[in-house]
Amino acid sequence: MLLVPTYIAPSHIEGVGVFAAQPIKAGTLIWRHEPSFDRSFTREAVEQMGPVQRDYVERYGYTHMRDRNLVVVESDNGRFMNHSENPNTDFTRPDCGHAIRDIDAGEEITCDY
């Protein structure tokens, strides 16, 4: 669950991305895994889904960092976060993410996945 104001807009990385709606200072906690807000599915459950639902989970989901059998789908703008070789966030912990440098309002929020 994102903890900072964001919006979705066209991205030069791919399709759409998630952007900071206001400046974010380096070190700010920007995301926290919230089981009541972020859905988790077993790989078996994903395989049993219909093709439309499975495509959605495979596009917007990611493998849980501690339990490789789980796929997590965020229900907020976080699902639109794009990869960058030079990200402005750190998601190495499975339960939270931080800004690793100041992020300007209007700047795309990226991670290294």
Protein backbone atom coordinates (compact mmCIF):
# COMPACT_ATOMS: atom_id res chain seq x y z
CA MET A 1 0.00 0.00 0.00
CA LEU A 2 1.46 3.32 -1.06
CA LEU A 3 1.82 5.76 1.83
CA VAL A 4 2.45 8.90 -0.25
CA PRO A 5 0.11 10.75 -2.64
CA THR A 6 0.53 9.51 -6.22
CA TYR A 7 -1.16 9.61 -9.60
CA ILE A 8 -1.02 7.57 -12.80
CA ALA A 9 0.22 9.13 -16.05
CA PRO A 10 1.95 8.15 -19.30
CA SER A 11 5.48 6.85 -18.71
CA HIS A 12 8.51 7.09 -20.96
CA ILE A 13 9.57 3.69 -19.49
CA GLU A 14 6.44 1.73 -20.44
CA GLY A 15 2.78 2.55 -20.94
CA VAL A 16 1.77 4.22 -17.69
CA GLY A 17 3.61 4.70 -14.42
CA VAL A 18 3.06 5.95 -10.90
CA PHE A 19 4.16 9.53 -10.19
CA ALA A 20 4.75 11.53 -7.01
CA ALA A 21 1.92 14.00 -6.41
CA GLN A 22 4.13 16.01 -4.04
CA PRO A 23 7.86 16.10 -3.22
CA ILE A 24 9.15 13.05 -1.32
CA LYS A 25 12.28 13.36 0.84
CA ALA A 26 15.03 10.73 0.76
CA GLY A 27 14.46 8.13 3.46
CA THR A 28 10.66 8.52 3.47
CA LEU A 29 8.70 5.30 3.91
CA ILE A 30 6.61 5.26 0.73
CA TRP A 31 5.12 1.75 0.75
CA ARG A 32 4.21 -0.91 3.26
CA HIS A 33 2.87 -4.41 2.55
CA GLU A 34 -0.65 -4.39 3.94
CA PRO A 35 -2.25 -7.86 3.75
CA SER A 36 -5.74 -6.42 4.19
CA PHE A 37 -5.14 -4.15 1.17
CA ASP A 38 -2.72 -6.12 -1.03
CA ARG A 39 -4.03 -9.47 -2.32
CA SER A 40 -1.87 -12.60 -2.23
CA PHE A 41 -2.50 -15.68 -4.35
CA THR A 42 -0.76 -19.05 -4.37
CA ARG A 43 0.79 -20.07 -7.68
CA GLU A 44 -1.73 -22.92 -7.78
CA ALA A 45 -4.63 -20.47 -7.42
CA VAL A 46 -3.23 -18.33 -10.26
CA GLU A 47 -2.94 -21.39 -12.50
CA GLN A 48 -6.61 -22.23 -11.84
CA MET A 49 -7.87 -18.74 -12.76
CA GLY A 50 -9.57 -18.01 -16.05
CA PRO A 51 -7.33 -16.53 -18.75
CA VAL A 52 -8.42 -12.90 -18.22
CA GLN A 53 -7.89 -13.01 -14.45
CA ARG A 54 -4.59 -14.91 -14.79
CA ASP A 55 -3.30 -12.36 -17.34
CA TYR A 56 -4.15 -9.54 -14.92
CA VAL A 57 -2.37 -11.20 -11.99
CA GLU A 58 0.66 -12.04 -14.13
CA ARG A 59 0.86 -8.46 -15.48
CA TYR A 60 0.37 -6.57 -12.22
CA GLY A 61 1.48 -9.11 -9.62
CA TYR A 62 4.93 -9.90 -8.31
CA THR A 63 6.46 -12.84 -6.48
CA HIS A 64 6.51 -12.35 -2.71
CA MET A 65 10.13 -11.93 -1.58
CA ARG A 66 9.87 -14.33 1.38
CA ASP A 67 7.41 -16.91 0.02
CA ARG A 68 8.16 -17.67 -3.64
CA ASN A 69 4.86 -19.58 -3.89
CA LEU A 70 2.84 -16.38 -3.40
CA VAL A 71 1.99 -13.74 -5.98
CA VAL A 72 1.02 -10.31 -4.59
CA VAL A 73 -1.24 -7.86 -6.42
CA GLU A 74 -1.41 -4.36 -5.03
CA SER A 75 -4.84 -2.76 -5.12
CA ASP A 76 -3.56 0.82 -5.41
CA ASN A 77 -1.35 2.76 -7.81
CA GLY A 78 1.66 0.70 -6.74
CA ARG A 79 0.78 -1.90 -9.36
CA PHE A 80 1.86 0.61 -12.02
CA MET A 81 5.40 1.07 -10.71
CA ASN A 82 7.97 0.53 -13.44
CA HIS A 83 11.47 -0.91 -13.32
CA SER A 84 14.55 1.27 -13.60
CA GLU A 85 18.26 0.45 -13.62
CA ASN A 86 18.62 3.67 -11.60
CA PRO A 87 15.57 3.54 -9.27
CA ASN A 88 14.59 6.24 -6.81
CA THR A 89 13.28 3.71 -4.25
CA ASP A 90 14.57 0.69 -2.36
CA PHE A 91 12.33 -2.36 -2.02
CA THR A 92 14.92 -4.87 -0.81
CA ARG A 93 12.84 -5.50 2.31
CA PRO A 94 9.66 -7.47 1.55
CA ASP A 95 7.52 -5.46 3.95
CA CYS A 96 8.34 -1.86 3.02
CA GLY A 97 9.90 0.51 0.51
CA HIS A 98 11.77 3.81 0.97
CA ALA A 99 12.81 6.73 -1.20
CA ILE A 100 16.58 6.50 -1.65
CA ARG A 101 16.87 10.09 -2.86
CA ASP A 102 14.61 13.12 -3.02
CA ILE A 103 11.80 12.60 -5.53
CA ASP A 104 10.29 15.69 -7.14
CA ALA A 105 6.55 16.23 -7.53
CA GLY A 106 5.66 14.96 -10.99
CA GLU A 107 8.59 12.53 -11.09
CA GLU A 108 7.95 8.86 -11.85
CA ILE A 109 8.50 6.56 -8.87
CA THR A 110 10.58 3.57 -9.93
CA CYS A 111 12.08 0.45 -8.40
CA ASP A 112 14.58 -2.24 -9.38
CA TYR A 113 12.73 -5.52 -9.72
